[in-house]
């Protein structure tokens, strides 16, 4: 931005200097500077500087480095996932007893929306994993990764209503 101002001010001062020099001479000069010699290079430089500033601001924006799915989720569009299809997939992969810890899933989905590249609190994830009974370990990790990958608290709540793990029975908070 400062470079654009410096170029603009330099061009303006050179025009003023040429104007003063031309006005100060009483004789008609045979040399006149065509407008195209000054105008076109100035336009080209201005366009290139503008494109550079646009690309620089795009590169410095942290939202640039989010995955497309997460960028779309931050635009608050309706859920692109069908709850029935997600439920069928979970049952197909994990069996009829498959369930989702709604609070865990929603917690990680909210974090995925808020931060471009959230880092897991691995000690907390592993401590909860170790504390859970053997039959709940797989479902706990399912809930964590479902929330982080999908990034939709609404989907977590809907899946949690349909396939809820009883948090008291499994001992996960």
N, C-alpha and C. Protein backbone atom coordinates (compact mmCIF):
# COMPACT_ATOMS: atom_id res chain seq x y z
N UNK A 1 0.83 -1.17 0.00
CA UNK A 1 0.00 0.00 0.00
C UNK A 1 0.88 1.25 0.00
N UNK A 2 1.95 1.23 0.83
CA UNK A 2 2.85 2.37 0.90
C UNK A 2 3.59 2.55 -0.43
N UNK A 3 3.93 1.45 -1.07
CA UNK A 3 4.63 1.52 -2.35
C UNK A 3 3.74 2.18 -3.40
N UNK A 4 2.47 1.89 -3.37
CA UNK A 4 1.53 2.51 -4.30
C UNK A 4 1.46 4.01 -4.08
N UNK A 5 1.42 4.41 -2.82
CA UNK A 5 1.37 5.85 -2.50
C UNK A 5 2.65 6.54 -2.96
N UNK A 6 3.80 5.90 -2.75
CA UNK A 6 5.09 6.50 -3.15
C UNK A 6 5.14 6.65 -4.67
N UNK A 7 4.71 5.63 -5.40
CA UNK A 7 4.70 5.71 -6.87
C UNK A 7 3.74 6.80 -7.34
N UNK A 8 2.60 6.88 -6.72
CA UNK A 8 1.61 7.89 -7.10
C UNK A 8 2.14 9.30 -6.84
N UNK A 9 2.74 9.50 -5.68
CA UNK A 9 3.27 10.82 -5.34
C UNK A 9 4.45 11.17 -6.24
N UNK A 10 5.31 10.18 -6.54
CA UNK A 10 6.45 10.43 -7.43
C UNK A 10 5.99 10.82 -8.83
N UNK A 11 4.98 10.15 -9.35
CA UNK A 11 4.45 10.47 -10.67
C UNK A 11 3.83 11.87 -10.67
N UNK A 12 3.11 12.19 -9.63
CA UNK A 12 2.49 13.51 -9.52
C UNK A 12 3.53 14.61 -9.45
N UNK A 13 4.58 14.39 -8.68
CA UNK A 13 5.64 15.40 -8.58
C UNK A 13 6.37 15.56 -9.92
N UNK A 14 6.60 14.47 -10.65
CA UNK A 14 7.26 14.60 -11.94
C UNK A 14 6.38 15.37 -12.93
N UNK A 15 5.05 15.13 -12.89
CA UNK A 15 4.15 15.92 -13.75
C UNK A 15 4.21 17.40 -13.39
N UNK A 16 4.21 17.69 -12.11
CA UNK A 16 4.29 19.09 -11.69
C UNK A 16 5.61 19.72 -12.13
N UNK A 17 6.71 18.98 -12.01
CA UNK A 17 8.01 19.50 -12.42
C UNK A 17 8.04 19.77 -13.93
N UNK A 18 7.53 18.85 -14.73
CA UNK A 18 7.48 19.05 -16.18
C UNK A 18 6.59 20.25 -16.52
N UNK A 19 5.49 20.39 -15.79
CA UNK A 19 4.58 21.52 -16.03
C UNK A 19 5.27 22.85 -15.73
N UNK A 20 5.99 22.89 -14.62
CA UNK A 20 6.69 24.13 -14.25
C UNK A 20 7.80 24.44 -15.25
N UNK A 21 8.54 23.42 -15.68
CA UNK A 21 9.61 23.65 -16.65
C UNK A 21 9.05 24.10 -17.99
N UNK A 22 7.96 23.52 -18.42
CA UNK A 22 7.37 23.90 -19.70
C UNK A 22 6.74 25.29 -19.62
N UNK A 23 6.17 25.62 -18.50
CA UNK A 23 5.54 26.93 -18.35
C UNK A 23 6.58 28.04 -18.25
N UNK A 24 7.72 27.73 -17.65
CA UNK A 24 8.76 28.73 -17.45
C UNK A 24 9.46 29.15 -18.74
N UNK A 25 9.46 28.31 -19.74
CA UNK A 25 10.14 28.66 -20.99
C UNK A 25 9.20 29.50 -21.85
N UNK A 26 9.75 30.53 -22.44
CA UNK A 26 8.93 31.41 -23.26
C UNK A 26 8.85 30.93 -24.69
N UNK A 27 9.76 30.10 -25.05
CA UNK A 27 9.75 29.61 -26.42
C UNK A 27 8.95 28.31 -26.50
N UNK A 28 8.41 28.07 -27.65
CA UNK A 28 7.68 26.84 -27.91
C UNK A 28 8.70 25.74 -28.14
N UNK A 29 8.58 24.64 -27.40
CA UNK A 29 9.54 23.55 -27.55
C UNK A 29 9.05 22.60 -28.63
N UNK A 30 10.01 21.99 -29.27
CA UNK A 30 9.65 21.03 -30.31
C UNK A 30 9.37 19.65 -29.71
N UNK A 31 9.76 19.46 -28.47
CA UNK A 31 9.56 18.16 -27.83
C UNK A 31 8.36 18.23 -26.89
N UNK A 32 7.37 17.38 -27.18
CA UNK A 32 6.23 17.25 -26.29
C UNK A 32 6.12 15.79 -25.89
N UNK A 33 5.88 15.58 -24.63
CA UNK A 33 5.80 14.22 -24.11
C UNK A 33 4.41 13.65 -24.39
N UNK A 34 4.31 12.58 -25.18
CA UNK A 34 2.99 11.99 -25.44
C UNK A 34 2.40 11.39 -24.17
N UNK A 35 1.12 11.51 -24.05
CA UNK A 35 0.43 11.01 -22.87
C UNK A 35 0.60 9.50 -22.73
N UNK A 36 0.66 8.79 -23.83
CA UNK A 36 0.78 7.34 -23.80
C UNK A 36 2.08 6.89 -23.13
N UNK A 37 3.15 7.66 -23.26
CA UNK A 37 4.42 7.26 -22.67
C UNK A 37 4.36 7.27 -21.14
N UNK A 38 3.51 8.10 -20.59
CA UNK A 38 3.39 8.17 -19.14
C UNK A 38 2.19 7.36 -18.65
N UNK A 39 1.08 7.45 -19.33
CA UNK A 39 -0.16 6.83 -18.87
C UNK A 39 -0.14 5.33 -18.87
N UNK A 40 0.27 4.70 -19.96
CA UNK A 40 0.24 3.24 -20.04
C UNK A 40 1.17 2.56 -19.04
N UNK A 41 2.42 3.00 -18.92
CA UNK A 41 3.26 2.36 -17.89
C UNK A 41 2.69 2.56 -16.48
N UNK A 42 2.10 3.70 -16.21
CA UNK A 42 1.52 3.94 -14.89
C UNK A 42 0.35 2.99 -14.64
N UNK A 43 -0.49 2.77 -15.64
CA UNK A 43 -1.62 1.85 -15.51
C UNK A 43 -1.13 0.43 -15.30
N UNK A 44 -0.11 0.02 -16.06
CA UNK A 44 0.43 -1.33 -15.93
C UNK A 44 1.01 -1.56 -14.54
N UNK A 45 1.76 -0.58 -14.04
CA UNK A 45 2.35 -0.71 -12.70
C UNK A 45 1.25 -0.76 -11.65
N UNK A 46 0.23 0.07 -11.80
CA UNK A 46 -0.86 0.08 -10.83
C UNK A 46 -1.60 -1.26 -10.80
N UNK A 47 -1.84 -1.84 -11.97
CA UNK A 47 -2.54 -3.13 -12.03
C UNK A 47 -1.68 -4.23 -11.41
N UNK A 48 -0.40 -4.24 -11.71
CA UNK A 48 0.47 -5.27 -11.13
C UNK A 48 0.59 -5.14 -9.62
N UNK A 49 0.68 -3.91 -9.13
CA UNK A 49 0.74 -3.72 -7.68
C UNK A 49 -0.56 -4.15 -7.01
N UNK A 50 -1.67 -3.86 -7.64
CA UNK A 50 -2.96 -4.26 -7.09
C UNK A 50 -3.08 -5.78 -7.03
N UNK A 51 -2.67 -6.46 -8.09
CA UNK A 51 -2.71 -7.92 -8.10
C UNK A 51 -1.78 -8.51 -7.04
N UNK A 52 -0.61 -7.89 -6.88
CA UNK A 52 0.33 -8.36 -5.86
C UNK A 52 -0.27 -8.21 -4.46
N UNK A 53 -0.92 -7.09 -4.19
CA UNK A 53 -1.52 -6.86 -2.87
C UNK A 53 -2.66 -7.86 -2.64
N UNK A 54 -3.46 -8.15 -3.66
CA UNK A 54 -4.53 -9.13 -3.52
C UNK A 54 -3.97 -10.51 -3.19
N UNK A 55 -2.93 -10.93 -3.92
CA UNK A 55 -2.35 -12.25 -3.68
C UNK A 55 -1.67 -12.31 -2.31
N UNK A 56 -1.05 -11.22 -1.89
CA UNK A 56 -0.41 -11.19 -0.58
C UNK A 56 -1.45 -11.29 0.53
N UNK A 57 -2.55 -10.56 0.40
CA UNK A 57 -3.58 -10.63 1.43
C UNK A 57 -4.23 -12.01 1.46
N UNK A 58 -4.38 -12.66 0.31
CA UNK A 58 -4.92 -14.02 0.27
C UNK A 58 -3.97 -14.99 0.96
N UNK A 59 -2.66 -14.81 0.72
CA UNK A 59 -1.68 -15.71 1.32
C UNK A 59 -1.57 -15.52 2.82
N UNK A 60 -1.79 -14.31 3.31
CA UNK A 60 -1.67 -14.05 4.74
C UNK A 60 -2.94 -14.35 5.52
N UNK A 61 -4.04 -14.60 4.83
CA UNK A 61 -5.31 -14.88 5.49
C UNK A 61 -5.30 -16.31 6.02
N UNK A 62 -5.53 -16.52 7.32
CA UNK A 62 -5.47 -17.89 7.85
C UNK A 62 -6.57 -18.80 7.31
N UNK A 63 -7.68 -18.24 6.85
CA UNK A 63 -8.75 -19.08 6.31
C UNK A 63 -8.35 -19.73 4.99
N UNK A 64 -7.31 -19.21 4.34
CA UNK A 64 -6.84 -19.77 3.08
C UNK A 64 -6.39 -21.22 3.26
N UNK A 65 -5.82 -21.52 4.42
CA UNK A 65 -5.20 -22.81 4.62
C UNK A 65 -6.14 -23.82 5.26
N UNK A 66 -7.42 -23.52 5.36
CA UNK A 66 -8.40 -24.48 5.83
C UNK A 66 -8.78 -25.40 4.68
N UNK A 67 -9.21 -26.57 5.02
CA UNK A 67 -9.69 -27.45 3.97
C UNK A 67 -11.00 -26.88 3.43
N UNK A 68 -11.34 -27.26 2.25
CA UNK A 68 -12.55 -26.71 1.63
C UNK A 68 -13.79 -27.02 2.44
N UNK A 69 -13.85 -28.21 3.02
CA UNK A 69 -15.02 -28.56 3.82
C UNK A 69 -15.18 -27.62 4.99
N UNK A 70 -14.10 -27.30 5.67
CA UNK A 70 -14.18 -26.41 6.82
C UNK A 70 -14.47 -24.98 6.40
N UNK A 71 -13.93 -24.54 5.26
CA UNK A 71 -14.25 -23.19 4.79
C UNK A 71 -15.73 -23.08 4.48
N UNK A 72 -16.30 -24.13 3.90
CA UNK A 72 -17.73 -24.11 3.60
C UNK A 72 -18.56 -24.12 4.86
N UNK A 73 -18.10 -24.83 5.89
CA UNK A 73 -18.85 -24.89 7.14
C UNK A 73 -18.87 -23.54 7.84
N UNK A 74 -17.82 -22.74 7.70
CA UNK A 74 -17.80 -21.44 8.36
C UNK A 74 -18.76 -20.46 7.70
N UNK A 75 -19.25 -20.78 6.53
CA UNK A 75 -20.21 -19.90 5.86
C UNK A 75 -21.63 -20.19 6.31
N UNK A 76 -21.78 -21.01 7.31
CA UNK A 76 -23.06 -21.37 7.94
C UNK A 76 -24.12 -21.84 6.93
N UNK A 77 -23.70 -22.76 6.11
CA UNK A 77 -24.64 -23.38 5.18
C UNK A 77 -25.35 -24.52 5.90
N UNK A 78 -26.47 -24.99 5.40
CA UNK A 78 -27.10 -26.15 6.02
C UNK A 78 -26.19 -27.37 5.89
N UNK A 79 -26.40 -28.33 6.78
CA UNK A 79 -25.54 -29.51 6.78
C UNK A 79 -25.59 -30.23 5.45
N UNK A 80 -24.41 -30.49 4.85
CA UNK A 80 -24.40 -31.21 3.58
C UNK A 80 -24.56 -32.72 3.78
N UNK A 81 -24.63 -33.17 5.04
CA UNK A 81 -24.70 -34.60 5.32
C UNK A 81 -26.13 -35.00 5.66
N UNK A 82 -26.53 -36.11 5.12
CA UNK A 82 -27.84 -36.67 5.44
C UNK A 82 -27.66 -37.57 6.66
N UNK A 83 -28.43 -37.32 7.71
CA UNK A 83 -28.30 -38.06 8.95
C UNK A 83 -28.56 -39.55 8.74
N UNK A 84 -29.52 -39.88 7.89
CA UNK A 84 -29.82 -41.29 7.61
C UNK A 84 -28.63 -41.99 6.98
N UNK A 85 -27.98 -41.31 6.03
CA UNK A 85 -26.82 -41.90 5.34
C UNK A 85 -25.65 -42.07 6.31
N UNK A 86 -25.43 -41.08 7.16
CA UNK A 86 -24.34 -41.18 8.13
C UNK A 86 -24.61 -42.32 9.10
N UNK A 87 -25.84 -42.43 9.55
CA UNK A 87 -26.20 -43.51 10.47
C UNK A 87 -26.02 -44.88 9.80
N UNK A 88 -26.43 -45.01 8.54
CA UNK A 88 -26.25 -46.28 7.82
C UNK A 88 -24.77 -46.63 7.71
N UNK A 89 -23.95 -45.63 7.42
CA UNK A 89 -22.52 -45.87 7.28
C UNK A 89 -21.91 -46.31 8.62
N UNK A 90 -22.29 -45.64 9.70
CA UNK A 90 -21.76 -46.00 11.02
C UNK A 90 -22.17 -47.42 11.38
N UNK A 91 -23.44 -47.76 11.16
CA UNK A 91 -23.91 -49.11 11.46
C UNK A 91 -23.20 -50.13 10.58
N UNK A 92 -23.00 -49.80 9.31
CA UNK A 92 -22.31 -50.71 8.40
C UNK A 92 -20.87 -50.95 8.79
N UNK A 93 -20.20 -49.94 9.29
CA UNK A 93 -18.78 -50.07 9.64
C UNK A 93 -18.57 -50.62 11.05
N UNK A 94 -19.42 -50.21 12.00
CA UNK A 94 -19.19 -50.54 13.40
C UNK A 94 -20.19 -51.53 13.99
N UNK A 95 -21.19 -51.91 13.23
CA UNK A 95 -22.15 -52.89 13.70
C UNK A 95 -23.40 -52.24 14.28
N UNK A 96 -24.35 -53.10 14.63
CA UNK A 96 -25.65 -52.61 15.10
C UNK A 96 -25.57 -51.96 16.48
N UNK A 97 -24.54 -52.27 17.26
CA UNK A 97 -24.40 -51.68 18.59
C UNK A 97 -23.67 -50.33 18.56
N UNK A 98 -23.33 -49.86 17.40
CA UNK A 98 -22.55 -48.62 17.28
C UNK A 98 -23.33 -47.45 17.87
N UNK A 99 -22.59 -46.57 18.55
CA UNK A 99 -23.22 -45.39 19.13
C UNK A 99 -22.23 -44.23 19.11
N UNK A 100 -22.73 -43.04 19.36
CA UNK A 100 -21.92 -41.82 19.34
C UNK A 100 -22.14 -41.08 20.65
N UNK A 101 -21.04 -40.63 21.25
CA UNK A 101 -21.13 -39.78 22.43
C UNK A 101 -21.40 -38.37 21.94
N UNK A 102 -22.60 -37.90 22.16
CA UNK A 102 -23.04 -36.63 21.59
C UNK A 102 -22.20 -35.46 22.07
N UNK A 103 -21.93 -35.38 23.36
CA UNK A 103 -21.17 -34.23 23.88
C UNK A 103 -19.74 -34.22 23.37
N UNK A 104 -19.13 -35.38 23.28
CA UNK A 104 -17.75 -35.48 22.77
C UNK A 104 -17.71 -35.05 21.30
N UNK A 105 -18.62 -35.59 20.52
CA UNK A 105 -18.69 -35.26 19.10
C UNK A 105 -18.94 -33.77 18.89
N UNK A 106 -19.89 -33.20 19.62
CA UNK A 106 -20.22 -31.78 19.46
C UNK A 106 -19.06 -30.89 19.91
N UNK A 107 -18.34 -31.31 20.96
CA UNK A 107 -17.19 -30.53 21.43
C UNK A 107 -16.13 -30.41 20.34
N UNK A 108 -15.78 -31.54 19.73
CA UNK A 108 -14.74 -31.51 18.69
C UNK A 108 -15.24 -30.89 17.39
N UNK A 109 -16.53 -30.97 17.12
CA UNK A 109 -17.09 -30.30 15.94
C UNK A 109 -17.04 -28.79 16.11
N UNK A 110 -17.33 -28.31 17.31
CA UNK A 110 -17.26 -26.87 17.57
C UNK A 110 -15.83 -26.38 17.46
N UNK A 111 -14.88 -27.15 17.96
CA UNK A 111 -13.47 -26.77 17.84
C UNK A 111 -13.03 -26.75 16.37
N UNK A 112 -13.53 -27.69 15.58
CA UNK A 112 -13.15 -27.75 14.16
C UNK A 112 -13.67 -26.53 13.41
N UNK A 113 -14.84 -26.02 13.80
CA UNK A 113 -15.37 -24.82 13.15
C UNK A 113 -14.62 -23.58 13.58
N UNK A 114 -14.20 -23.53 14.83
CA UNK A 114 -13.60 -22.31 15.38
C UNK A 114 -12.16 -22.12 14.94
N UNK A 115 -11.41 -23.18 14.79
CA UNK A 115 -9.99 -23.07 14.49
C UNK A 115 -9.69 -23.68 13.14
N UNK A 116 -8.82 -23.01 12.35
CA UNK A 116 -8.53 -23.54 11.01
C UNK A 116 -7.84 -24.91 11.05
N UNK A 117 -6.89 -25.08 11.94
CA UNK A 117 -6.19 -26.36 12.07
C UNK A 117 -6.09 -26.68 13.56
N UNK A 118 -7.17 -27.15 14.13
CA UNK A 118 -7.12 -27.40 15.57
C UNK A 118 -6.18 -28.55 15.90
N UNK A 119 -5.48 -28.38 16.98
CA UNK A 119 -4.63 -29.46 17.47
C UNK A 119 -5.38 -30.16 18.59
N UNK A 120 -5.42 -31.44 18.51
CA UNK A 120 -6.08 -32.20 19.57
C UNK A 120 -5.33 -31.99 20.88
N UNK A 121 -6.08 -32.05 21.94
CA UNK A 121 -5.48 -32.13 23.26
C UNK A 121 -5.26 -33.61 23.51
N UNK A 122 -4.17 -34.14 22.94
CA UNK A 122 -3.94 -35.58 22.95
C UNK A 122 -3.91 -36.18 24.34
N UNK A 123 -3.28 -35.52 25.33
CA UNK A 123 -3.33 -36.12 26.68
C UNK A 123 -4.77 -36.30 27.19
N UNK A 124 -5.63 -35.34 26.92
CA UNK A 124 -7.02 -35.45 27.35
C UNK A 124 -7.74 -36.56 26.57
N UNK A 125 -7.51 -36.63 25.26
CA UNK A 125 -8.15 -37.67 24.44
C UNK A 125 -7.72 -39.05 24.92
N UNK A 126 -6.42 -39.22 25.16
CA UNK A 126 -5.94 -40.55 25.58
C UNK A 126 -6.35 -40.88 27.01
N UNK A 127 -6.43 -39.88 27.88
CA UNK A 127 -6.87 -40.19 29.25
C UNK A 127 -8.33 -40.63 29.26
N UNK A 128 -9.17 -39.97 28.46
CA UNK A 128 -10.57 -40.40 28.35
C UNK A 128 -10.66 -41.79 27.71
N UNK A 129 -9.79 -42.02 26.73
CA UNK A 129 -9.77 -43.31 26.05
C UNK A 129 -9.39 -44.42 27.03
N UNK A 130 -8.36 -44.17 27.85
CA UNK A 130 -7.90 -45.19 28.79
C UNK A 130 -8.92 -45.45 29.90
N UNK A 131 -9.66 -44.40 30.31
CA UNK A 131 -10.63 -44.54 31.38
C UNK A 131 -11.91 -45.26 30.94
N UNK A 132 -12.16 -45.25 29.64
CA UNK A 132 -13.41 -45.86 29.18
C UNK A 132 -13.29 -47.38 29.16
N UNK A 133 -14.41 -48.07 29.36
CA UNK A 133 -14.39 -49.54 29.28
C UNK A 133 -14.03 -49.99 27.86
N UNK A 134 -13.64 -51.23 27.76
CA UNK A 134 -13.17 -51.75 26.47
C UNK A 134 -14.22 -51.62 25.37
N UNK A 135 -15.50 -51.85 25.68
CA UNK A 135 -16.54 -51.78 24.66
C UNK A 135 -16.82 -50.34 24.22
N UNK A 136 -16.40 -49.34 25.01
CA UNK A 136 -16.68 -47.94 24.66
C UNK A 136 -15.51 -47.24 23.99
N UNK A 137 -14.33 -47.83 24.01
CA UNK A 137 -13.14 -47.16 23.47
C UNK A 137 -13.30 -46.84 21.99
N UNK A 138 -13.79 -47.81 21.27
CA UNK A 138 -13.97 -47.63 19.83
C UNK A 138 -15.00 -46.52 19.55
N UNK A 139 -16.06 -46.48 20.32
CA UNK A 139 -17.11 -45.49 20.11
C UNK A 139 -16.68 -44.09 20.56
N UNK A 140 -15.80 -44.05 21.57
CA UNK A 140 -15.26 -42.76 22.00
C UNK A 140 -14.42 -42.15 20.87
N UNK A 141 -13.54 -42.95 20.30
CA UNK A 141 -12.71 -42.44 19.19
C UNK A 141 -13.57 -42.11 17.97
N UNK A 142 -14.60 -42.90 17.73
CA UNK A 142 -15.53 -42.59 16.65
C UNK A 142 -16.14 -41.20 16.86
N UNK A 143 -16.55 -40.92 18.09
CA UNK A 143 -17.17 -39.63 18.39
C UNK A 143 -16.18 -38.48 18.22
N UNK A 144 -14.94 -38.69 18.67
CA UNK A 144 -13.92 -37.64 18.55
C UNK A 144 -13.65 -37.33 17.08
N UNK A 145 -13.39 -38.35 16.30
CA UNK A 145 -13.02 -38.12 14.90
C UNK A 145 -14.21 -37.71 14.04
N UNK A 146 -15.39 -38.19 14.36
CA UNK A 146 -16.59 -37.75 13.64
C UNK A 146 -16.79 -36.25 13.84
N UNK A 147 -16.66 -35.80 15.07
CA UNK A 147 -16.81 -34.37 15.35
C UNK A 147 -15.74 -33.55 14.66
N UNK A 148 -14.50 -34.01 14.69
CA UNK A 148 -13.41 -33.23 14.10
C UNK A 148 -13.47 -33.21 12.58
N UNK A 149 -13.77 -34.32 11.98
CA UNK A 149 -13.74 -34.39 10.52
C UNK A 149 -14.97 -33.73 9.90
N UNK A 150 -16.14 -34.04 10.44
CA UNK A 150 -17.36 -33.47 9.87
C UNK A 150 -17.51 -32.01 10.28
N UNK A 151 -17.20 -31.68 11.51
CA UNK A 151 -17.26 -30.30 11.97
C UNK A 151 -18.66 -29.72 12.04
N UNK A 152 -19.64 -30.54 12.36
CA UNK A 152 -21.02 -30.07 12.41
C UNK A 152 -21.65 -30.48 13.73
N UNK A 153 -21.79 -29.53 14.67
CA UNK A 153 -22.45 -29.87 15.94
C UNK A 153 -23.89 -30.32 15.74
N UNK A 154 -24.57 -29.78 14.74
CA UNK A 154 -25.95 -30.18 14.49
C UNK A 154 -26.03 -31.66 14.12
N UNK A 155 -25.11 -32.11 13.26
CA UNK A 155 -25.10 -33.52 12.89
C UNK A 155 -24.79 -34.39 14.10
N UNK A 156 -23.88 -33.92 14.96
CA UNK A 156 -23.56 -34.68 16.17
C UNK A 156 -24.79 -34.82 17.06
N UNK A 157 -25.55 -33.75 17.21
CA UNK A 157 -26.75 -33.82 18.03
C UNK A 157 -27.79 -34.77 17.42
N UNK A 158 -27.94 -34.71 16.11
CA UNK A 158 -28.93 -35.58 15.46
C UNK A 158 -28.52 -37.05 15.55
N UNK A 159 -27.23 -37.33 15.31
CA UNK A 159 -26.74 -38.70 15.43
C UNK A 159 -26.80 -39.15 16.89
N UNK A 160 -26.50 -38.23 17.81
CA UNK A 160 -26.55 -38.55 19.23
C UNK A 160 -27.95 -38.91 19.68
N UNK A 161 -28.97 -38.30 19.10
CA UNK A 161 -30.35 -38.64 19.44
C UNK A 161 -30.71 -40.04 18.94
N UNK A 162 -30.22 -40.37 17.76
CA UNK A 162 -30.55 -41.66 17.16
C UNK A 162 -29.71 -42.80 17.73
N UNK A 163 -28.42 -42.55 17.88
CA UNK A 163 -27.48 -43.59 18.30
C UNK A 163 -26.69 -43.11 19.51
N UNK A 164 -27.36 -42.81 20.57
CA UNK A 164 -26.71 -42.26 21.75
C UNK A 164 -26.07 -43.36 22.58
N UNK A 165 -24.84 -43.10 23.03
CA UNK A 165 -24.19 -43.97 23.99
C UNK A 165 -24.59 -43.45 25.37
N UNK A 166 -24.99 -44.32 26.23
CA UNK A 166 -25.34 -43.90 27.58
C UNK A 166 -24.04 -43.56 28.30
N UNK A 167 -23.79 -42.26 28.51
CA UNK A 167 -22.53 -41.81 29.10
C UNK A 167 -22.33 -42.38 30.50
N UNK A 168 -23.40 -42.59 31.24
CA UNK A 168 -23.26 -43.14 32.59
C UNK A 168 -22.84 -44.59 32.55
N UNK A 169 -23.34 -45.35 31.57
CA UNK A 169 -23.00 -46.76 31.48
C UNK A 169 -21.56 -46.97 31.06
N UNK A 170 -21.05 -46.07 30.20
CA UNK A 170 -19.67 -46.23 29.71
C UNK A 170 -18.68 -45.42 30.53
N UNK A 171 -19.12 -44.49 31.32
CA UNK A 171 -18.22 -43.73 32.19
C UNK A 171 -17.42 -42.66 31.49
N UNK A 172 -17.92 -42.11 30.40
CA UNK A 172 -17.21 -41.05 29.68
C UNK A 172 -17.93 -39.75 29.92
N UNK A 173 -17.16 -38.73 30.18
CA UNK A 173 -17.77 -37.42 30.46
C UNK A 173 -17.54 -36.48 29.31
